[in-house]
Amino acid sequence: MTQAAVKANSRAITRQRFAAAALSAVAVLGLAGCRQDMHNQPKFYPQRGTSLYADGRSVRPQVENTVARGQNDATSYFMTGFQDGKEGDGMPIPVTLDVMERGQERYNVYCTACHSRVGNGGGIVVQRGYRPAGNFHTDRLRAAPLGHFYNVIANGYGAMPEYATMLGVEDRWAIVAYVRALQLSQNATVADAGGSPVRKLGDVAESVGLPRNFAAEWVLPATAVYGTPDNQDHGIPGQDQTVINKINSGAQGQSAQHTSGTAQGSVNNPGSPILPNPGSSMSPATLNGPR
């Protein structure tokens, strides 16, 4: 190959390389032009219209009853159960059948372990040694305002922990409504039931082979211990001393009875109610709840 041919070939190679580099640069620029950054993506802008929705608005309406964070009235009766610094006595939401059913469902989940299905304080946890739960059928709790039950659910009381982290505000009020229904059921008349027959819990229990006092108040068995240095119940902080004395005297009375009496009835004879020993926690002599 002559020298002239070599130079010509070299110039051709140089042109080819230049063309390839130019094409690469154009390709890179083209790809850069197709880049879609997040700040430049298709989206709706607040307060601007759009043809996508029939109402022409880009922002969708808020869900009904939505409350922005920090905009609810944390001091209202609905949120606290208090009015003018005292526990109020009223329902801040309409008491419908749905509310009552929700209250029953939530009560059965969260409350029956201690208070029992009938609200007499004889739940399975209490029967296994936990501090006695409140009996909703006592005069004190029948007279308690509705805000008291809400306050106890939300903030706890004595050995009962708070349930605010597990139960929303409306669910707490639903339980309150159901608790009041449990209380009213013990003294309901035919008129209260809208003409439907009314039966006592004792009659219902006997009809299915249970003791008549099945739904009565549950009290501590004679073998129970309090776990305190002197094995005495020193009450809930702030509890009236007369209540503590009543609890202690009841426990001593059971201890005296525990040495006598035998179980009546038979598991194999459903027609005969099964009654425990007179000194036990379910003895008719120590029960004063709903009959």
C-alpha atoms as a PDB file:
ATOM      1  CA  MET A   1       0.000   0.000   0.000  1.00  0.00           C
ATOM      2  CA  THR A   2       1.340   3.407  -0.972  1.00  0.00           C
ATOM      3  CA  GLN A   3       1.861   6.191   1.533  1.00  0.00           C
ATOM      4  CA  ALA A   4      -1.017   8.159   0.042  1.00  0.00           C
ATOM      5  CA  ALA A   5      -3.325   5.185   0.471  1.00  0.00           C
ATOM      6  CA  VAL A   6      -2.280   4.791   4.084  1.00  0.00           C
ATOM      7  CA  LYS A   7      -3.088   8.439   4.830  1.00  0.00           C
ATOM      8  CA  ALA A   8      -6.444   8.168   3.109  1.00  0.00           C
ATOM      9  CA  ASN A   9      -7.310   5.060   5.103  1.00  0.00           C
ATOM     10  CA  SER A  10      -6.267   6.787   8.344  1.00  0.00           C
ATOM     11  CA  ARG A  11      -8.493   9.776   7.593  1.00  0.00           C
ATOM     12  CA  ALA A  12     -11.433   7.450   6.903  1.00  0.00           C
ATOM     13  CA  ILE A  13     -10.966   5.666  10.228  1.00  0.00           C
ATOM     14  CA  THR A  14     -10.788   9.022  12.027  1.00  0.00           C
ATOM     15  CA  ARG A  15     -14.035  10.145  10.382  1.00  0.00           C
ATOM     16  CA  GLN A  16     -15.740   6.902  11.369  1.00  0.00           C
ATOM     17  CA  ARG A  17     -14.649   7.255  14.977  1.00  0.00           C
ATOM     18  CA  PHE A  18     -15.825  10.869  15.071  1.00  0.00           C
ATOM     19  CA  ALA A  19     -19.185   9.892  13.611  1.00  0.00           C
ATOM     20  CA  ALA A  20     -19.577   7.118  16.197  1.00  0.00           C
ATOM     21  CA  ALA A  21     -18.725   9.514  19.020  1.00  0.00           C
ATOM     22  CA  ALA A  22     -21.211  12.045  17.680  1.00  0.00           C
ATOM     23  CA  LEU A  23     -23.943   9.439  17.488  1.00  0.00           C
ATOM     24  CA  SER A  24     -23.210   8.348  21.061  1.00  0.00           C
ATOM     25  CA  ALA A  25     -23.440  11.937  22.285  1.00  0.00           C
ATOM     26  CA  VAL A  26     -26.743  12.417  20.492  1.00  0.00           C
ATOM     27  CA  ALA A  27     -28.070   9.206  22.016  1.00  0.00           C
ATOM     28  CA  VAL A  28     -27.064  10.288  25.530  1.00  0.00           C
ATOM     29  CA  LEU A  29     -28.716  13.673  25.041  1.00  0.00           C
ATOM     30  CA  GLY A  30     -31.834  11.945  23.750  1.00  0.00           C
ATOM     31  CA  LEU A  31     -32.031   9.677  26.778  1.00  0.00           C
ATOM     32  CA  ALA A  32     -31.548  12.643  29.097  1.00  0.00           C
ATOM     33  CA  GLY A  33     -34.442  14.376  27.425  1.00  0.00           C
ATOM     34  CA  CYS A  34     -36.711  11.357  28.173  1.00  0.00           C
ATOM     35  CA  ARG A  35     -35.957  11.310  31.914  1.00  0.00           C
ATOM     36  CA  GLN A  36     -39.057  11.592  34.159  1.00  0.00           C
ATOM     37  CA  ASP A  37     -38.250  13.089  37.537  1.00  0.00           C
ATOM     38  CA  MET A  38     -40.720  12.697  40.458  1.00  0.00           C
ATOM     39  CA  HIS A  39     -41.214  16.446  40.614  1.00  0.00           C
ATOM     40  CA  ASN A  40     -42.185  16.436  36.953  1.00  0.00           C
ATOM     41  CA  GLN A  41     -44.520  13.424  36.937  1.00  0.00           C
ATOM     42  CA  PRO A  42     -48.196  13.533  35.946  1.00  0.00           C
ATOM     43  CA  LYS A  43     -50.210  14.503  39.030  1.00  0.00           C
ATOM     44  CA  PHE A  44     -53.077  16.595  40.313  1.00  0.00           C
ATOM     45  CA  TYR A  45     -52.337  19.998  41.761  1.00  0.00           C
ATOM     46  CA  PRO A  46     -54.326  21.180  44.811  1.00  0.00           C
ATOM     47  CA  GLN A  47     -57.133  23.628  44.077  1.00  0.00           C
ATOM     48  CA  ARG A  48     -56.889  22.995  40.334  1.00  0.00           C
ATOM     49  CA  GLY A  49     -59.509  21.500  38.085  1.00  0.00           C
ATOM     50  CA  THR A  50     -59.357  18.264  36.153  1.00  0.00           C
ATOM     51  CA  SER A  51     -61.409  16.525  33.531  1.00  0.00           C
ATOM     52  CA  LEU A  52     -60.796  13.113  35.114  1.00  0.00           C
ATOM     53  CA  TYR A  53     -63.621  13.395  37.687  1.00  0.00           C
ATOM     54  CA  ALA A  54     -67.200  14.325  36.916  1.00  0.00           C
ATOM     55  CA  ASP A  55     -67.247  17.161  39.458  1.00  0.00           C
ATOM     56  CA  GLY A  56     -64.191  18.765  37.811  1.00  0.00           C
ATOM     57  CA  ARG A  57     -62.229  18.852  41.077  1.00  0.00           C
ATOM     58  CA  SER A  58     -58.788  17.310  41.386  1.00  0.00           C
ATOM     59  CA  VAL A  59     -58.968  17.003  45.189  1.00  0.00           C
ATOM     60  CA  ARG A  60     -61.384  14.373  46.470  1.00  0.00           C
ATOM     61  CA  PRO A  61     -63.835  15.251  49.277  1.00  0.00           C
ATOM     62  CA  GLN A  62     -62.828  14.056  52.757  1.00  0.00           C
ATOM     63  CA  VAL A  63     -64.398  10.935  54.179  1.00  0.00           C
ATOM     64  CA  GLU A  64     -67.526  11.799  56.159  1.00  0.00           C
ATOM     65  CA  ASN A  65     -66.853  12.626  59.847  1.00  0.00           C
ATOM     66  CA  THR A  66     -63.106  12.946  59.226  1.00  0.00           C
ATOM     67  CA  VAL A  67     -61.345  14.991  61.900  1.00  0.00           C
ATOM     68  CA  ALA A  68     -57.879  16.358  61.245  1.00  0.00           C
ATOM     69  CA  ARG A  69     -55.181  15.605  63.781  1.00  0.00           C
ATOM     70  CA  GLY A  70     -55.189  18.104  66.607  1.00  0.00           C
ATOM     71  CA  GLN A  71     -58.563  19.564  65.605  1.00  0.00           C
ATOM     72  CA  ASN A  72     -60.848  17.483  67.844  1.00  0.00           C
ATOM     73  CA  ASP A  73     -62.051  18.923  71.141  1.00  0.00           C
ATOM     74  CA  ALA A  74     -60.077  16.831  73.610  1.00  0.00           C
ATOM     75  CA  THR A  75     -61.964  18.371  76.532  1.00  0.00           C
ATOM     76  CA  SER A  76     -65.485  17.588  75.293  1.00  0.00           C
ATOM     77  CA  TYR A  77     -67.870  15.254  77.106  1.00  0.00           C
ATOM     78  CA  PHE A  78     -67.657  12.882  74.148  1.00  0.00           C
ATOM     79  CA  MET A  79     -63.886  12.561  74.595  1.00  0.00           C
ATOM     80  CA  THR A  80     -63.648  12.587  78.404  1.00  0.00           C
ATOM     81  CA  GLY A  81     -66.982  11.642  79.984  1.00  0.00           C
ATOM     82  CA  PHE A  82     -66.721  14.772  82.155  1.00  0.00           C
ATOM     83  CA  GLN A  83     -68.982  17.825  82.262  1.00  0.00           C
ATOM     84  CA  ASP A  84     -68.009  20.855  84.347  1.00  0.00           C
ATOM     85  CA  GLY A  85     -65.340  18.817  86.092  1.00  0.00           C
ATOM     86  CA  LYS A  86     -67.732  15.990  87.066  1.00  0.00           C
ATOM     87  CA  GLU A  87     -68.647  12.675  85.459  1.00  0.00           C
ATOM     88  CA  GLY A  88     -71.638  13.359  83.256  1.00  0.00           C
ATOM     89  CA  ASP A  89     -74.761  11.259  82.895  1.00  0.00           C
ATOM     90  CA  GLY A  90     -75.817  11.030  79.289  1.00  0.00           C
ATOM     91  CA  MET A  91     -74.971   9.444  75.961  1.00  0.00           C
ATOM     92  CA  PRO A  92     -73.200  11.797  73.515  1.00  0.00           C
ATOM     93  CA  ILE A  93     -74.112   9.519  70.593  1.00  0.00           C
ATOM     94  CA  PRO A  94     -77.508   8.163  69.494  1.00  0.00           C
ATOM     95  CA  VAL A  95     -78.232   4.786  71.103  1.00  0.00           C
ATOM     96  CA  THR A  96     -79.309   2.681  68.141  1.00  0.00           C
ATOM     97  CA  LEU A  97     -79.610  -1.077  67.791  1.00  0.00           C
ATOM     98  CA  ASP A  98     -76.285  -1.098  65.925  1.00  0.00           C
ATOM     99  CA  VAL A  99     -74.620   0.736  68.814  1.00  0.00           C
ATOM    100  CA  MET A 100     -76.039  -1.730  71.334  1.00  0.00           C
ATOM    101  CA  GLU A 101     -74.902  -4.722  69.280  1.00  0.00           C
ATOM    102  CA  ARG A 102     -71.439  -3.201  68.925  1.00  0.00           C
ATOM    103  CA  GLY A 103     -71.340  -2.557  72.667  1.00  0.00           C
ATOM    104  CA  GLN A 104     -72.304  -6.142  73.414  1.00  0.00           C
ATOM    105  CA  GLU A 105     -69.665  -7.485  71.029  1.00  0.00           C
ATOM    106  CA  ARG A 106     -66.897  -5.281  72.455  1.00  0.00           C
ATOM    107  CA  TYR A 107     -68.016  -5.991  76.034  1.00  0.00           C
ATOM    108  CA  ASN A 108     -67.873  -9.738  75.427  1.00  0.00           C
ATOM    109  CA  VAL A 109     -64.356  -9.388  74.035  1.00  0.00           C
ATOM    110  CA  TYR A 110     -62.774  -7.025  76.560  1.00  0.00           C
ATOM    111  CA  CYS A 111     -64.900  -7.060  79.732  1.00  0.00           C
ATOM    112  CA  THR A 112     -66.286 -10.532  80.378  1.00  0.00           C
ATOM    113  CA  ALA A 113     -62.954 -11.991  81.513  1.00  0.00           C
ATOM    114  CA  CYS A 114     -63.323 -10.026  84.753  1.00  0.00           C
ATOM    115  CA  HIS A 115     -66.937  -8.793  84.923  1.00  0.00           C
ATOM    116  CA  SER A 116     -68.587 -11.912  83.375  1.00  0.00           C
ATOM    117  CA  ARG A 117     -71.207 -12.000  80.630  1.00  0.00           C
ATOM    118  CA  VAL A 118     -73.922 -10.860  83.032  1.00  0.00           C
ATOM    119  CA  GLY A 119     -71.847  -8.141  84.711  1.00  0.00           C
ATOM    120  CA  ASN A 120     -71.781  -9.642  88.205  1.00  0.00           C
ATOM    121  CA  GLY A 121     -67.994  -9.421  88.641  1.00  0.00           C
ATOM    122  CA  GLY A 122     -67.455 -13.183  88.511  1.00  0.00           C
ATOM    123  CA  GLY A 123     -65.355 -13.445  85.375  1.00  0.00           C
ATOM    124  CA  ILE A 124     -62.941 -16.286  84.783  1.00  0.00           C
ATOM    125  CA  VAL A 125     -59.884 -14.138  85.557  1.00  0.00           C
ATOM    126  CA  VAL A 126     -61.312 -13.131  88.926  1.00  0.00           C
ATOM    127  CA  GLN A 127     -62.151 -16.745  89.741  1.00  0.00           C
ATOM    128  CA  ARG A 128     -58.488 -17.580  89.231  1.00  0.00           C
ATOM    129  CA  GLY A 129     -57.171 -15.039  91.696  1.00  0.00           C
ATOM    130  CA  TYR A 130     -57.365 -11.543  90.190  1.00  0.00           C
ATOM    131  CA  ARG A 131     -58.801  -8.768  92.311  1.00  0.00           C
ATOM    132  CA  PRO A 132     -62.642  -8.894  92.392  1.00  0.00           C
ATOM    133  CA  ALA A 133     -64.165  -6.898  89.563  1.00  0.00           C
ATOM    134  CA  GLY A 134     -67.034  -4.471  89.921  1.00  0.00           C
ATOM    135  CA  ASN A 135     -70.541  -5.902  90.078  1.00  0.00           C
ATOM    136  CA  PHE A 136     -72.708  -3.659  87.893  1.00  0.00           C
ATOM    137  CA  HIS A 137     -75.835  -4.714  89.790  1.00  0.00           C
ATOM    138  CA  THR A 138     -74.905  -3.132  93.111  1.00  0.00           C
ATOM    139  CA  ASP A 139     -76.751  -0.015  94.235  1.00  0.00           C
ATOM    140  CA  ARG A 140     -73.582   2.045  93.881  1.00  0.00           C
ATOM    141  CA  LEU A 141     -72.978   1.200  90.238  1.00  0.00           C
ATOM    142  CA  ARG A 142     -76.646   1.269  89.287  1.00  0.00           C
ATOM    143  CA  ALA A 143     -76.658   4.871  90.501  1.00  0.00           C
ATOM    144  CA  ALA A 144     -73.318   5.753  88.890  1.00  0.00           C
ATOM    145  CA  PRO A 145     -73.499   8.224  85.971  1.00  0.00           C
ATOM    146  CA  LEU A 146     -72.701   6.988  82.481  1.00  0.00           C
ATOM    147  CA  GLY A 147     -69.600   9.173  82.397  1.00  0.00           C
ATOM    148  CA  HIS A 148     -68.187   7.105  85.265  1.00  0.00           C
ATOM    149  CA  PHE A 149     -68.157   3.927  83.191  1.00  0.00           C
ATOM    150  CA  TYR A 150     -66.599   5.764  80.257  1.00  0.00           C
ATOM    151  CA  ASN A 151     -63.937   7.256  82.526  1.00  0.00           C
ATOM    152  CA  VAL A 152     -63.062   3.855  84.006  1.00  0.00           C
ATOM    153  CA  ILE A 153     -62.812   2.250  80.559  1.00  0.00           C
ATOM    154  CA  ALA A 154     -60.601   5.040  79.252  1.00  0.00           C
ATOM    155  CA  ASN A 155     -58.364   5.565  82.293  1.00  0.00           C
ATOM    156  CA  GLY A 156     -58.640   2.420  84.416  1.00  0.00           C
ATOM    157  CA  TYR A 157     -59.597   2.142  88.063  1.00  0.00           C
ATOM    158  CA  GLY A 158     -57.833   0.292  90.876  1.00  0.00           C
ATOM    159  CA  ALA A 159     -56.652  -3.058  89.533  1.00  0.00           C
ATOM    160  CA  MET A 160     -58.435  -2.489  86.216  1.00  0.00           C
ATOM    161  CA  PRO A 161     -56.079  -1.206  83.493  1.00  0.00           C
ATOM    162  CA  GLU A 162     -57.018   1.466  80.980  1.00  0.00           C
ATOM    163  CA  TYR A 163     -58.486   0.332  77.669  1.00  0.00           C
ATOM    164  CA  ALA A 164     -58.045   3.569  75.719  1.00  0.00           C
ATOM    165  CA  THR A 165     -55.335   1.962  73.587  1.00  0.00           C
ATOM    166  CA  MET A 166     -57.642  -0.909  72.599  1.00  0.00           C
ATOM    167  CA  LEU A 167     -61.057   0.735  72.393  1.00  0.00           C
ATOM    168  CA  GLY A 168     -61.881   3.805  70.358  1.00  0.00           C
ATOM    169  CA  VAL A 169     -64.042   6.582  71.797  1.00  0.00           C
ATOM    170  CA  GLU A 170     -67.275   5.419  70.149  1.00  0.00           C
ATOM    171  CA  ASP A 171     -66.643   1.811  71.166  1.00  0.00           C
ATOM    172  CA  ARG A 172     -66.242   2.928  74.791  1.00  0.00           C
ATOM    173  CA  TRP A 173     -69.598   4.681  74.682  1.00  0.00           C
ATOM    174  CA  ALA A 174     -71.150   1.629  73.016  1.00  0.00           C
ATOM    175  CA  ILE A 175     -69.950  -0.514  75.936  1.00  0.00           C
ATOM    176  CA  VAL A 176     -71.323   2.055  78.388  1.00  0.00           C
ATOM    177  CA  ALA A 177     -74.744   1.784  76.735  1.00  0.00           C
ATOM    178  CA  TYR A 178     -74.611  -2.014  76.920  1.00  0.00           C
ATOM    179  CA  VAL A 179     -73.580  -1.986  80.601  1.00  0.00           C
ATOM    180  CA  ARG A 180     -76.588   0.206  81.381  1.00  0.00           C
ATOM    181  CA  ALA A 181     -78.766  -2.242  79.444  1.00  0.00           C
ATOM    182  CA  LEU A 182     -77.380  -5.099  81.579  1.00  0.00           C
ATOM    183  CA  GLN A 183     -78.307  -3.168  84.695  1.00  0.00           C
ATOM    184  CA  LEU A 184     -81.797  -2.320  83.476  1.00  0.00           C
ATOM    185  CA  SER A 185     -82.419  -5.926  82.433  1.00  0.00           C
ATOM    186  CA  GLN A 186     -82.476  -7.049  86.069  1.00  0.00           C
ATOM    187  CA  ASN A 187     -85.515  -4.907  86.872  1.00  0.00           C
ATOM    188  CA  ALA A 188     -87.183  -4.665  83.474  1.00  0.00           C
ATOM    189  CA  THR A 189     -90.956  -4.799  83.167  1.00  0.00           C
ATOM    190  CA  VAL A 190     -93.037  -6.114  80.298  1.00  0.00           C
ATOM    191  CA  ALA A 191     -93.590  -2.493  79.263  1.00  0.00           C
ATOM    192  CA  ASP A 192     -89.826  -1.876  79.229  1.00  0.00           C
ATOM    193  CA  ALA A 193     -89.430  -4.894  76.917  1.00  0.00           C
ATOM    194  CA  GLY A 194     -92.047  -3.587  74.502  1.00  0.00           C
ATOM    195  CA  GLY A 195     -94.564  -6.244  75.477  1.00  0.00           C
ATOM    196  CA  SER A 196     -92.153  -9.177  75.201  1.00  0.00           C
ATOM    197  CA  PRO A 197     -92.029 -11.692  78.081  1.00  0.00           C
ATOM    198  CA  VAL A 198     -89.518 -10.889  80.824  1.00  0.00           C
ATOM    199  CA  ARG A 199     -87.698 -13.682  82.648  1.00  0.00           C
ATOM    200  CA  LYS A 200     -85.395 -13.483  85.635  1.00  0.00           C
ATOM    201  CA  LEU A 201     -81.851 -14.733  85.156  1.00  0.00           C
ATOM    202  CA  GLY A 202     -82.402 -17.196  87.974  1.00  0.00           C
ATOM    203  CA  ASP A 203     -85.312 -18.749  86.083  1.00  0.00           C
ATOM    204  CA  VAL A 204     -83.263 -18.907  82.887  1.00  0.00           C
ATOM    205  CA  ALA A 205     -80.338 -20.541  84.713  1.00  0.00           C
ATOM    206  CA  GLU A 206     -82.560 -23.195  86.297  1.00  0.00           C
ATOM    207  CA  SER A 207     -84.200 -23.962  82.966  1.00  0.00           C
ATOM    208  CA  VAL A 208     -80.847 -25.066  81.551  1.00  0.00           C
ATOM    209  CA  GLY A 209     -79.741 -27.025  84.640  1.00  0.00           C
ATOM    210  CA  LEU A 210     -77.612 -24.329  86.293  1.00  0.00           C
ATOM    211  CA  PRO A 211     -77.855 -23.032  89.875  1.00  0.00           C
ATOM    212  CA  ARG A 212     -80.385 -20.263  90.351  1.00  0.00           C
ATOM    213  CA  ASN A 213     -77.599 -18.058  91.684  1.00  0.00           C
ATOM    214  CA  PHE A 214     -75.492 -18.565  88.544  1.00  0.00           C
ATOM    215  CA  ALA A 215     -75.683 -14.856  87.675  1.00  0.00           C
ATOM    216  CA  ALA A 216     -75.455 -13.599  91.242  1.00  0.00           C
ATOM    217  CA  GLU A 217     -72.557 -11.627  92.687  1.00  0.00           C
ATOM    218  CA  TRP A 218     -69.263 -13.476  92.817  1.00  0.00           C
ATOM    219  CA  VAL A 219     -67.281 -13.165  96.046  1.00  0.00           C
ATOM    220  CA  LEU A 220     -63.889 -14.442  97.126  1.00  0.00           C
ATOM    221  CA  PRO A 221     -63.613 -18.088  98.195  1.00  0.00           C
ATOM    222  CA  ALA A 222     -62.422 -18.781 101.723  1.00  0.00           C
ATOM    223  CA  THR A 223     -59.073 -20.049 100.424  1.00  0.00           C
ATOM    224  CA  ALA A 224     -58.240 -16.772  98.678  1.00  0.00           C
ATOM    225  CA  VAL A 225     -55.268 -14.685  99.774  1.00  0.00           C
ATOM    226  CA  TYR A 226     -54.634 -11.008  99.171  1.00  0.00           C
ATOM    227  CA  GLY A 227     -50.857 -11.166  98.814  1.00  0.00           C
ATOM    228  CA  THR A 228     -50.311  -8.321 101.299  1.00  0.00           C
ATOM    229  CA  PRO A 229     -47.965  -8.663 104.316  1.00  0.00           C
ATOM    230  CA  ASP A 230     -50.927  -9.052 106.681  1.00  0.00           C
ATOM    231  CA  ASN A 231     -53.133 -10.876 104.129  1.00  0.00           C
ATOM    232  CA  GLN A 232     -55.764  -8.132 104.298  1.00  0.00           C
ATOM    233  CA  ASP A 233     -57.485  -6.243 101.503  1.00  0.00           C
ATOM    234  CA  HIS A 234     -56.398  -2.627 101.899  1.00  0.00           C
ATOM    235  CA  GLY A 235     -58.685  -1.501  99.123  1.00  0.00           C
ATOM    236  CA  ILE A 236     -58.248   0.630  96.087  1.00  0.00           C
ATOM    237  CA  PRO A 237     -56.447   3.949  96.659  1.00  0.00           C
ATOM    238  CA  GLY A 238     -59.109   6.432  97.659  1.00  0.00           C
ATOM    239  CA  GLN A 239     -61.676   3.742  98.405  1.00  0.00           C
ATOM    240  CA  ASP A 240     -63.990   4.391 101.353  1.00  0.00           C
ATOM    241  CA  GLN A 241     -62.977   2.506 104.491  1.00  0.00           C
ATOM    242  CA  THR A 242     -66.506   1.167 104.978  1.00  0.00           C
ATOM    243  CA  VAL A 243     -66.210  -0.634 101.637  1.00  0.00           C
ATOM    244  CA  ILE A 244     -62.931  -2.210 102.722  1.00  0.00           C
ATOM    245  CA  ASN A 245     -64.460  -3.316 106.043  1.00  0.00           C
ATOM    246  CA  LYS A 246     -67.395  -4.857 104.205  1.00  0.00           C
ATOM    247  CA  ILE A 247     -65.063  -6.822 101.921  1.00  0.00           C
ATOM    248  CA  ASN A 248     -62.982  -8.040 104.860  1.00  0.00           C
ATOM    249  CA  SER A 249     -66.018  -9.046 106.936  1.00  0.00           C
ATOM    250  CA  GLY A 250     -67.437 -10.925 103.967  1.00  0.00           C
ATOM    251  CA  ALA A 251     -64.214 -12.883 103.520  1.00  0.00           C
ATOM    252  CA  GLN A 252     -64.119 -13.764 107.247  1.00  0.00           C
ATOM    253  CA  GLY A 253     -67.736 -14.908 107.123  1.00  0.00           C
ATOM    254  CA  GLN A 254     -66.950 -17.229 104.252  1.00  0.00           C
ATOM    255  CA  SER A 255     -63.992 -18.672 106.153  1.00  0.00           C
ATOM    256  CA  ALA A 256     -66.258 -19.586 109.081  1.00  0.00           C
ATOM    257  CA  GLN A 257     -68.736 -21.315 106.774  1.00  0.00           C
ATOM    258  CA  HIS A 258     -66.154 -23.183 104.749  1.00  0.00           C
ATOM    259  CA  THR A 259     -65.761 -26.002 107.251  1.00  0.00           C
ATOM    260  CA  SER A 260     -69.276 -27.350 106.844  1.00  0.00           C
ATOM    261  CA  GLY A 261     -71.705 -28.313 104.122  1.00  0.00           C
ATOM    262  CA  THR A 262     -71.533 -30.591 101.131  1.00  0.00           C
ATOM    263  CA  ALA A 263     -72.249 -30.052  97.491  1.00  0.00           C
ATOM    264  CA  GLN A 264     -75.838 -30.598  96.451  1.00  0.00           C
ATOM    265  CA  GLY A 265     -77.122 -31.822  93.122  1.00  0.00           C
ATOM    266  CA  SER A 266     -75.271 -33.893  90.573  1.00  0.00           C
ATOM    267  CA  VAL A 267     -73.551 -33.269  87.270  1.00  0.00           C
ATOM    268  CA  ASN A 268     -75.273 -36.396  85.977  1.00  0.00           C
ATOM    269  CA  ASN A 269     -78.681 -35.146  87.055  1.00  0.00           C
ATOM    270  CA  PRO A 270     -79.391 -31.944  85.111  1.00  0.00           C
ATOM    271  CA  GLY A 271     -82.811 -31.728  86.736  1.00  0.00           C
ATOM    272  CA  SER A 272     -81.137 -31.017  90.071  1.00  0.00           C
ATOM    273  CA  PRO A 273     -79.292 -27.670  90.219  1.00  0.00           C
ATOM    274  CA  ILE A 274     -75.625 -27.994  91.085  1.00  0.00           C
ATOM    275  CA  LEU A 275     -75.033 -26.008  94.273  1.00  0.00           C
ATOM    276  CA  PRO A 276     -71.508 -25.649  95.697  1.00  0.00           C
ATOM    277  CA  ASN A 277     -70.432 -25.882  99.307  1.00  0.00           C
ATOM    278  CA  PRO A 278     -71.997 -23.209 101.530  1.00  0.00           C
ATOM    279  CA  GLY A 279     -68.579 -21.734 102.154  1.00  0.00           C
ATOM    280  CA  SER A 280     -67.675 -21.453  98.478  1.00  0.00           C
ATOM    281  CA  SER A 281     -67.766 -18.370  96.321  1.00  0.00           C
ATOM    282  CA  MET A 282     -71.073 -19.397  94.733  1.00  0.00           C
ATOM    283  CA  SER A 283     -72.970 -20.167  97.929  1.00  0.00           C
ATOM    284  CA  PRO A 284     -76.513 -18.701  98.044  1.00  0.00           C
ATOM    285  CA  ALA A 285     -75.750 -17.519 101.566  1.00  0.00           C
ATOM    286  CA  THR A 286     -73.016 -15.216 100.313  1.00  0.00           C
ATOM    287  CA  LEU A 287     -74.631 -14.008  97.108  1.00  0.00           C
ATOM    288  CA  ASN A 288     -76.765 -10.916  96.728  1.00  0.00           C
ATOM    289  CA  GLY A 289     -76.677 -10.238  93.010  1.00  0.00           C
ATOM    290  CA  PRO A 290     -79.439 -10.687  90.426  1.00  0.00           C
ATOM    291  CA  ARG A 291     -81.701 -13.661  91.071  1.00  0.00           C
END
